[in-house]
N, C-alpha and C. Protein backbone atom coordinates (compact mmCIF):
# COMPACT_ATOMS: atom_id res chain seq x y z
N MET A 1 43.11 -3.26 -30.08
CA MET A 1 42.32 -3.98 -29.25
C MET A 1 43.21 -5.07 -28.38
N ASN A 2 43.12 -4.94 -27.10
CA ASN A 2 43.87 -5.93 -26.24
C ASN A 2 43.02 -6.93 -25.62
N ALA A 3 42.77 -8.02 -26.24
CA ALA A 3 41.94 -9.12 -25.79
C ALA A 3 42.73 -10.12 -24.94
N GLY A 4 44.04 -10.28 -25.41
CA GLY A 4 44.78 -11.34 -24.71
C GLY A 4 44.31 -12.75 -25.06
N VAL A 5 44.87 -13.85 -24.44
CA VAL A 5 44.54 -15.16 -24.67
C VAL A 5 44.52 -15.94 -23.26
N ILE A 6 43.67 -16.84 -23.22
CA ILE A 6 43.59 -17.75 -21.99
C ILE A 6 44.08 -19.02 -22.42
N GLU A 7 45.16 -19.62 -21.79
CA GLU A 7 45.55 -20.88 -21.99
C GLU A 7 45.72 -21.58 -20.66
N ASP A 8 45.14 -22.82 -20.56
CA ASP A 8 45.07 -23.53 -19.39
C ASP A 8 44.68 -22.76 -18.07
N GLY A 9 43.73 -21.95 -18.35
CA GLY A 9 43.12 -21.09 -17.26
C GLY A 9 43.87 -19.84 -16.88
N SER A 10 44.86 -19.52 -17.59
CA SER A 10 45.87 -18.51 -17.30
C SER A 10 45.87 -17.44 -18.43
N TRP A 11 45.54 -16.09 -18.10
CA TRP A 11 45.49 -15.05 -19.09
C TRP A 11 46.90 -14.53 -19.33
N SER A 12 47.18 -14.25 -20.68
CA SER A 12 48.42 -13.59 -21.02
C SER A 12 48.13 -12.76 -22.18
N GLU A 13 48.89 -11.57 -22.26
CA GLU A 13 48.74 -10.55 -23.28
C GLU A 13 49.17 -11.04 -24.62
N THR A 14 48.50 -10.65 -25.78
CA THR A 14 48.94 -10.96 -27.09
C THR A 14 49.71 -9.76 -27.58
N VAL A 15 50.74 -10.13 -28.33
CA VAL A 15 51.72 -9.08 -28.76
C VAL A 15 51.59 -8.89 -30.27
N VAL A 16 51.05 -9.79 -30.97
CA VAL A 16 50.77 -9.69 -32.40
C VAL A 16 49.41 -10.17 -32.78
N GLY A 17 49.02 -9.67 -33.90
CA GLY A 17 47.68 -10.22 -34.57
C GLY A 17 46.41 -9.44 -33.95
N THR A 18 45.33 -9.90 -34.51
CA THR A 18 44.01 -9.35 -34.02
C THR A 18 43.30 -10.50 -33.47
N PRO A 19 42.54 -10.27 -32.34
CA PRO A 19 41.83 -11.38 -31.88
C PRO A 19 40.77 -11.75 -32.64
N GLN A 20 40.41 -13.12 -32.60
CA GLN A 20 39.28 -13.79 -33.34
C GLN A 20 37.98 -13.06 -32.98
N GLY A 21 37.23 -12.68 -34.02
CA GLY A 21 35.96 -12.00 -33.75
C GLY A 21 36.05 -10.56 -33.28
N SER A 22 37.14 -9.88 -33.39
CA SER A 22 37.29 -8.51 -33.02
C SER A 22 36.70 -7.47 -33.98
N ALA A 23 36.75 -7.86 -35.24
CA ALA A 23 36.18 -7.10 -36.33
C ALA A 23 34.76 -7.44 -36.47
N SER A 24 33.92 -6.37 -36.74
CA SER A 24 32.43 -6.69 -36.85
C SER A 24 32.17 -7.66 -38.10
N PRO A 25 31.55 -8.79 -37.86
CA PRO A 25 31.25 -9.69 -39.07
C PRO A 25 30.51 -8.83 -40.15
N LEU A 26 29.74 -7.98 -39.76
CA LEU A 26 29.02 -7.16 -40.90
C LEU A 26 29.97 -6.38 -41.53
N LEU A 27 30.80 -5.69 -40.93
CA LEU A 27 31.87 -4.81 -41.54
C LEU A 27 32.81 -5.73 -42.44
N ALA A 28 33.14 -6.86 -41.88
CA ALA A 28 33.95 -7.74 -42.69
C ALA A 28 33.26 -8.23 -44.03
N ASN A 29 32.02 -8.50 -43.88
CA ASN A 29 31.36 -8.88 -45.15
C ASN A 29 31.15 -7.73 -46.10
N VAL A 30 30.91 -6.61 -45.68
CA VAL A 30 30.80 -5.41 -46.60
C VAL A 30 32.10 -5.18 -47.20
N TYR A 31 33.25 -5.32 -46.55
CA TYR A 31 34.60 -5.08 -47.03
C TYR A 31 34.85 -6.21 -48.05
N LEU A 32 34.59 -7.53 -47.90
CA LEU A 32 34.89 -8.53 -48.69
C LEU A 32 33.93 -8.50 -49.82
N HIS A 33 32.71 -7.87 -49.72
CA HIS A 33 31.92 -7.85 -50.94
C HIS A 33 32.52 -6.99 -52.04
N TYR A 34 33.34 -6.04 -51.75
CA TYR A 34 33.87 -5.12 -52.64
C TYR A 34 35.32 -5.67 -53.08
N VAL A 35 36.05 -6.25 -52.00
CA VAL A 35 37.33 -6.81 -52.40
C VAL A 35 37.18 -8.14 -53.21
N LEU A 36 36.38 -9.05 -52.88
CA LEU A 36 36.26 -10.31 -53.48
C LEU A 36 35.14 -10.57 -54.42
N ASP A 37 33.78 -10.50 -53.67
CA ASP A 37 32.57 -10.77 -54.45
C ASP A 37 32.38 -10.16 -55.75
N ARG A 38 32.57 -8.86 -55.87
CA ARG A 38 32.27 -8.11 -57.18
C ARG A 38 33.41 -8.41 -58.09
N TRP A 39 34.79 -8.53 -57.61
CA TRP A 39 35.68 -8.83 -58.46
C TRP A 39 35.63 -10.35 -59.05
N VAL A 40 35.22 -11.39 -58.28
CA VAL A 40 35.24 -12.62 -58.64
C VAL A 40 34.08 -12.90 -59.66
N ARG A 41 33.04 -12.00 -59.59
CA ARG A 41 32.00 -12.21 -60.61
C ARG A 41 32.34 -11.91 -62.07
N GLN A 42 33.26 -10.91 -62.24
CA GLN A 42 33.71 -10.43 -63.49
C GLN A 42 35.00 -11.30 -64.03
N TRP A 43 35.73 -11.99 -63.11
CA TRP A 43 36.96 -12.52 -63.35
C TRP A 43 36.75 -13.69 -64.52
N PRO A 44 35.74 -14.63 -64.29
CA PRO A 44 35.71 -15.60 -65.29
C PRO A 44 35.40 -15.16 -66.75
N ARG A 45 34.51 -14.11 -66.78
CA ARG A 45 34.10 -13.68 -68.05
C ARG A 45 35.37 -13.08 -68.87
N GLN A 46 36.32 -12.59 -68.19
CA GLN A 46 37.53 -11.99 -68.81
C GLN A 46 38.64 -12.95 -68.97
N HIS A 47 38.70 -13.98 -68.07
CA HIS A 47 39.96 -14.74 -68.01
C HIS A 47 39.74 -16.23 -68.12
N ALA A 48 38.69 -16.83 -67.83
CA ALA A 48 38.48 -18.25 -67.71
C ALA A 48 38.09 -18.90 -69.05
N ARG A 49 38.50 -20.13 -69.34
CA ARG A 49 38.15 -20.82 -70.57
C ARG A 49 36.93 -21.80 -70.16
N GLY A 50 36.87 -22.15 -68.88
CA GLY A 50 35.85 -23.09 -68.50
C GLY A 50 35.02 -22.46 -67.40
N ASP A 51 34.29 -23.49 -66.78
CA ASP A 51 33.41 -23.09 -65.59
C ASP A 51 34.21 -22.73 -64.36
N MET A 52 33.43 -21.99 -63.53
CA MET A 52 34.00 -21.54 -62.23
C MET A 52 32.82 -21.38 -61.22
N VAL A 53 33.10 -21.76 -59.97
CA VAL A 53 32.01 -21.46 -59.05
C VAL A 53 32.84 -21.16 -57.70
N ILE A 54 32.15 -20.29 -56.92
CA ILE A 54 32.78 -19.97 -55.60
C ILE A 54 31.68 -20.03 -54.63
N VAL A 55 32.03 -20.69 -53.53
CA VAL A 55 31.14 -20.94 -52.37
C VAL A 55 31.82 -20.39 -51.14
N GLY A 56 31.06 -19.56 -50.32
CA GLY A 56 31.74 -19.19 -49.10
C GLY A 56 30.78 -18.89 -47.93
N PHE A 57 31.32 -18.76 -46.82
CA PHE A 57 30.68 -18.49 -45.62
C PHE A 57 31.58 -17.49 -44.76
N ALA A 58 31.00 -16.43 -44.46
CA ALA A 58 31.80 -15.30 -43.74
C ALA A 58 33.04 -15.01 -44.62
N ASP A 59 34.27 -15.24 -43.91
CA ASP A 59 35.49 -14.94 -44.71
C ASP A 59 36.20 -16.18 -45.18
N ASP A 60 35.46 -17.25 -45.24
CA ASP A 60 36.04 -18.54 -45.88
C ASP A 60 35.38 -18.83 -47.14
N PHE A 61 36.09 -19.26 -48.11
CA PHE A 61 35.54 -19.56 -49.37
C PHE A 61 36.36 -20.64 -50.06
N VAL A 62 35.66 -21.45 -51.09
CA VAL A 62 36.33 -22.31 -51.77
C VAL A 62 35.99 -22.14 -53.27
N THR A 63 36.93 -22.13 -54.13
CA THR A 63 36.73 -21.76 -55.56
C THR A 63 36.95 -23.00 -56.29
N GLY A 64 35.95 -23.49 -57.15
CA GLY A 64 36.12 -24.47 -58.16
C GLY A 64 36.29 -24.01 -59.53
N ILE A 65 37.40 -24.37 -60.10
CA ILE A 65 37.71 -23.87 -61.44
C ILE A 65 37.99 -25.22 -62.46
N GLN A 66 37.34 -25.16 -63.60
CA GLN A 66 37.48 -26.41 -64.50
C GLN A 66 38.83 -26.67 -64.94
N HIS A 67 39.53 -25.69 -65.34
CA HIS A 67 40.91 -25.89 -65.95
C HIS A 67 42.09 -25.51 -65.01
N GLN A 68 43.01 -26.34 -65.04
CA GLN A 68 44.21 -26.01 -64.04
C GLN A 68 44.94 -24.73 -64.43
N SER A 69 45.02 -24.36 -65.71
CA SER A 69 45.67 -23.14 -66.05
C SER A 69 44.84 -21.95 -65.61
N ASP A 70 43.49 -22.06 -65.65
CA ASP A 70 42.67 -20.94 -65.13
C ASP A 70 42.83 -20.85 -63.69
N ALA A 71 42.88 -22.03 -62.83
CA ALA A 71 43.05 -22.00 -61.48
C ALA A 71 44.26 -21.27 -61.04
N ARG A 72 45.44 -21.61 -61.76
CA ARG A 72 46.75 -20.92 -61.41
C ARG A 72 46.65 -19.47 -61.71
N LYS A 73 46.06 -19.04 -62.81
CA LYS A 73 45.90 -17.55 -63.05
C LYS A 73 44.93 -16.91 -61.98
N HIS A 74 43.87 -17.59 -61.64
CA HIS A 74 43.02 -17.07 -60.71
C HIS A 74 43.75 -16.83 -59.38
N LEU A 75 44.43 -17.79 -58.87
CA LEU A 75 45.17 -17.64 -57.58
C LEU A 75 46.18 -16.60 -57.58
N SER A 76 46.87 -16.54 -58.74
CA SER A 76 47.82 -15.36 -59.00
C SER A 76 47.07 -13.90 -58.84
N ASP A 77 45.96 -13.79 -59.60
CA ASP A 77 45.21 -12.58 -59.71
C ASP A 77 44.58 -12.33 -58.32
N LEU A 78 44.18 -13.33 -57.65
CA LEU A 78 43.51 -13.22 -56.38
C LEU A 78 44.48 -12.67 -55.37
N ARG A 79 45.68 -13.14 -55.33
CA ARG A 79 46.65 -12.67 -54.49
C ARG A 79 46.96 -11.08 -54.72
N GLU A 80 47.08 -10.76 -56.00
CA GLU A 80 47.23 -9.34 -56.43
C GLU A 80 46.01 -8.58 -55.90
N ARG A 81 44.83 -9.02 -56.11
CA ARG A 81 43.72 -8.28 -55.80
C ARG A 81 43.66 -7.92 -54.29
N PHE A 82 43.92 -9.01 -53.33
CA PHE A 82 43.98 -8.84 -52.04
C PHE A 82 45.10 -7.96 -51.55
N ALA A 83 46.25 -7.98 -52.14
CA ALA A 83 47.37 -7.12 -51.87
C ALA A 83 47.02 -5.62 -51.97
N LYS A 84 46.18 -5.36 -53.00
CA LYS A 84 45.70 -3.90 -53.10
C LYS A 84 44.94 -3.31 -51.95
N PHE A 85 44.34 -4.27 -51.19
CA PHE A 85 43.70 -3.85 -49.89
C PHE A 85 44.36 -4.36 -48.64
N ALA A 86 45.59 -4.52 -48.83
CA ALA A 86 46.45 -4.88 -47.59
C ALA A 86 45.97 -6.17 -47.04
N LEU A 87 45.55 -7.14 -47.87
CA LEU A 87 45.03 -8.43 -47.27
C LEU A 87 45.93 -9.45 -47.86
N GLU A 88 45.91 -10.63 -47.40
CA GLU A 88 46.67 -11.78 -47.94
C GLU A 88 45.94 -13.06 -47.59
N LEU A 89 46.06 -14.03 -48.53
CA LEU A 89 45.56 -15.25 -48.29
C LEU A 89 46.44 -16.10 -47.26
N HIS A 90 45.67 -16.95 -46.35
CA HIS A 90 46.46 -17.56 -45.35
C HIS A 90 47.21 -18.85 -46.01
N PRO A 91 48.56 -18.74 -45.88
CA PRO A 91 49.33 -19.74 -46.69
C PRO A 91 48.96 -21.23 -46.42
N ASP A 92 48.61 -21.54 -45.01
CA ASP A 92 48.21 -22.95 -44.65
C ASP A 92 46.79 -23.31 -45.10
N LYS A 93 46.00 -22.37 -45.52
CA LYS A 93 44.64 -22.64 -45.87
C LYS A 93 44.51 -22.50 -47.50
N THR A 94 45.41 -22.18 -48.21
CA THR A 94 45.42 -21.72 -49.65
C THR A 94 46.25 -22.69 -50.35
N ARG A 95 45.60 -23.47 -51.28
CA ARG A 95 46.19 -24.43 -52.11
C ARG A 95 45.39 -24.81 -53.38
N LEU A 96 46.02 -25.36 -54.37
CA LEU A 96 45.30 -25.88 -55.46
C LEU A 96 45.22 -27.36 -55.31
N ILE A 97 44.08 -27.90 -55.47
CA ILE A 97 43.98 -29.31 -55.40
C ILE A 97 43.23 -29.71 -56.64
N GLU A 98 43.55 -30.94 -57.22
CA GLU A 98 42.84 -31.50 -58.24
C GLU A 98 41.65 -32.36 -57.77
N PHE A 99 40.55 -32.18 -58.46
CA PHE A 99 39.36 -32.88 -58.01
C PHE A 99 38.46 -33.18 -59.18
N GLY A 100 37.42 -33.92 -58.96
CA GLY A 100 36.46 -34.28 -60.03
C GLY A 100 36.66 -35.71 -60.38
N ARG A 101 35.82 -36.04 -61.46
CA ARG A 101 35.59 -37.48 -61.74
C ARG A 101 36.94 -38.09 -62.40
N PHE A 102 37.81 -37.16 -62.88
CA PHE A 102 38.99 -37.69 -63.61
C PHE A 102 40.24 -37.54 -62.81
N ALA A 103 40.18 -36.91 -61.67
CA ALA A 103 41.38 -36.53 -60.93
C ALA A 103 42.11 -37.70 -60.45
N ALA A 104 41.48 -38.82 -60.04
CA ALA A 104 42.19 -40.00 -59.55
C ALA A 104 42.91 -40.62 -60.80
N ARG A 105 42.22 -40.79 -61.86
CA ARG A 105 42.88 -41.51 -62.92
C ARG A 105 44.05 -40.70 -63.53
N THR A 106 43.89 -39.40 -63.68
CA THR A 106 45.02 -38.61 -64.28
C THR A 106 46.20 -38.48 -63.36
N ARG A 107 45.96 -38.49 -61.95
CA ARG A 107 47.03 -38.42 -61.06
C ARG A 107 47.76 -39.82 -60.94
N VAL A 108 47.01 -40.90 -60.95
CA VAL A 108 47.71 -42.23 -61.00
C VAL A 108 48.53 -42.28 -62.22
N ALA A 109 47.94 -41.87 -63.40
CA ALA A 109 48.76 -41.88 -64.82
C ALA A 109 50.03 -41.18 -64.65
N ARG A 110 50.13 -40.02 -63.94
CA ARG A 110 51.21 -39.25 -63.70
C ARG A 110 52.12 -39.73 -62.63
N GLY A 111 51.68 -40.77 -61.89
CA GLY A 111 52.49 -41.15 -60.78
C GLY A 111 52.38 -40.30 -59.48
N ALA A 112 51.27 -39.43 -59.45
CA ALA A 112 51.22 -38.46 -58.40
C ALA A 112 50.40 -39.02 -57.09
N GLY A 113 49.90 -40.23 -57.26
CA GLY A 113 49.12 -40.84 -56.14
C GLY A 113 47.60 -40.37 -56.02
N LYS A 114 47.05 -40.68 -54.88
CA LYS A 114 45.58 -40.21 -54.77
C LYS A 114 45.39 -38.82 -54.72
N PRO A 115 44.30 -38.27 -55.19
CA PRO A 115 43.99 -36.79 -55.05
C PRO A 115 43.99 -36.32 -53.67
N GLU A 116 44.33 -35.06 -53.56
CA GLU A 116 44.19 -34.40 -52.19
C GLU A 116 42.76 -34.04 -51.91
N THR A 117 42.44 -33.73 -50.78
CA THR A 117 41.25 -33.39 -50.23
C THR A 117 41.29 -32.19 -49.36
N PHE A 118 40.11 -31.67 -49.07
CA PHE A 118 40.17 -30.62 -47.99
C PHE A 118 38.98 -30.86 -47.08
N LYS A 119 38.99 -30.48 -45.91
CA LYS A 119 38.04 -30.79 -44.90
C LYS A 119 37.45 -29.33 -44.39
N PRO A 120 36.27 -29.02 -44.84
CA PRO A 120 35.74 -27.73 -44.35
C PRO A 120 35.40 -27.90 -42.91
N THR A 121 35.27 -26.82 -42.18
CA THR A 121 34.68 -26.79 -40.86
C THR A 121 33.23 -27.28 -41.01
N ARG A 122 32.74 -27.73 -39.78
CA ARG A 122 31.34 -28.24 -39.86
C ARG A 122 30.37 -27.00 -40.12
N ARG A 123 30.71 -25.83 -39.59
CA ARG A 123 29.91 -24.64 -39.95
C ARG A 123 29.85 -24.26 -41.45
N ASN A 124 31.02 -24.33 -42.09
CA ASN A 124 31.10 -24.25 -43.62
C ASN A 124 30.35 -25.32 -44.30
N ALA A 125 30.58 -26.51 -43.99
CA ALA A 125 29.89 -27.56 -44.54
C ALA A 125 28.31 -27.53 -44.55
N GLU A 126 27.89 -27.14 -43.40
CA GLU A 126 26.51 -26.91 -43.25
C GLU A 126 25.84 -25.72 -44.19
N SER A 127 26.74 -24.82 -44.12
CA SER A 127 26.27 -23.59 -44.96
C SER A 127 26.31 -23.85 -46.36
N TRP A 128 27.31 -24.57 -46.92
CA TRP A 128 27.41 -24.97 -48.34
C TRP A 128 26.22 -25.92 -48.73
N GLU A 129 25.92 -26.87 -47.96
CA GLU A 129 24.88 -27.74 -48.09
C GLU A 129 23.60 -26.96 -48.26
N ARG A 130 23.33 -26.13 -47.28
CA ARG A 130 22.13 -25.33 -47.40
C ARG A 130 22.06 -24.45 -48.66
N LYS A 131 23.13 -23.99 -49.16
CA LYS A 131 23.15 -23.07 -50.35
C LYS A 131 22.98 -23.99 -51.52
N ARG A 132 23.52 -25.10 -51.47
CA ARG A 132 23.30 -26.10 -52.64
C ARG A 132 21.87 -26.47 -52.78
N LYS A 133 21.27 -26.78 -51.64
CA LYS A 133 19.83 -27.20 -51.62
C LYS A 133 18.99 -25.95 -52.05
N GLU A 134 19.25 -24.71 -51.62
CA GLU A 134 18.49 -23.59 -52.18
C GLU A 134 18.68 -23.34 -53.63
N LYS A 135 19.86 -23.57 -54.13
CA LYS A 135 20.13 -23.33 -55.59
C LYS A 135 19.38 -24.45 -56.32
N GLN A 136 19.25 -25.62 -55.90
CA GLN A 136 18.50 -26.68 -56.56
C GLN A 136 16.99 -26.37 -56.57
N GLU A 137 16.50 -25.76 -55.47
CA GLU A 137 15.13 -25.52 -55.38
C GLU A 137 14.73 -24.36 -56.33
N VAL A 138 15.67 -23.36 -56.44
CA VAL A 138 15.38 -22.31 -57.38
C VAL A 138 15.48 -22.68 -58.87
N ALA A 139 16.60 -23.47 -59.16
CA ALA A 139 16.90 -23.72 -60.49
C ALA A 139 16.13 -25.08 -60.96
N GLY A 140 15.69 -25.88 -60.08
CA GLY A 140 15.10 -27.08 -60.35
C GLY A 140 16.07 -28.08 -60.76
N PRO A 141 15.74 -29.36 -61.01
CA PRO A 141 16.65 -30.30 -61.51
C PRO A 141 17.33 -29.96 -62.75
N LYS A 142 18.57 -30.23 -62.89
CA LYS A 142 19.26 -30.03 -64.09
C LYS A 142 19.31 -31.21 -65.03
N LYS A 143 18.88 -30.97 -66.22
CA LYS A 143 18.87 -32.14 -67.13
C LYS A 143 20.22 -32.47 -67.57
N GLU A 144 20.38 -33.64 -67.83
CA GLU A 144 21.73 -34.19 -68.30
C GLU A 144 22.17 -33.43 -69.55
N GLY A 145 23.36 -32.82 -69.48
CA GLY A 145 23.95 -32.12 -70.67
C GLY A 145 23.33 -30.67 -70.86
N ALA A 146 22.24 -30.32 -70.14
CA ALA A 146 21.72 -28.99 -70.31
C ALA A 146 22.66 -27.87 -69.78
N TRP A 147 22.68 -26.72 -70.39
CA TRP A 147 23.33 -25.64 -69.94
C TRP A 147 22.45 -24.78 -68.97
N ASN A 148 23.05 -24.46 -67.93
CA ASN A 148 22.17 -23.59 -66.87
C ASN A 148 23.01 -22.33 -66.74
N SER A 149 22.32 -21.21 -67.02
CA SER A 149 22.97 -19.96 -66.85
C SER A 149 23.61 -19.65 -65.50
N ARG A 150 23.13 -20.34 -64.45
CA ARG A 150 23.70 -20.23 -63.14
C ARG A 150 24.96 -21.15 -62.92
N SER A 151 25.17 -21.97 -63.94
CA SER A 151 26.37 -22.97 -63.82
C SER A 151 27.80 -22.16 -63.85
N ARG A 152 27.81 -21.11 -64.45
CA ARG A 152 29.03 -20.31 -64.57
C ARG A 152 28.94 -19.08 -63.72
N ARG A 153 29.88 -18.98 -62.78
CA ARG A 153 29.88 -17.84 -61.90
C ARG A 153 31.21 -17.10 -62.09
């Protein structure tokens, strides 16, 4: 596909890469369903010691994993999984960050400074918020300390 690029009102040919939006979003979602979604559903049952959740929109996703060792293993396994399908994670968008109620305290104790953050796009943030609200409506309010079968993904 030769879409080119327009910069400052001037068109030029692109020599590498695929233009944004060139693949059908439907086709991309079907592909990712088999590459990522089905695989990630079984991964925690076989490998994780703690909780795991994945939230995504189109081809973007964020994975929350309770234990750092599980997160490192998951990232390694995810890279291997993607490689089987000639895909790779974007190096500028892929990283492990420490988060949660104890992140600041444990990082300061180690001398690592403030916890890192990530900033989702507005589109992703709106989608994630909508999914969170839908999940609350379906599951109802979670009682303090109660186990919810939907908590583990």
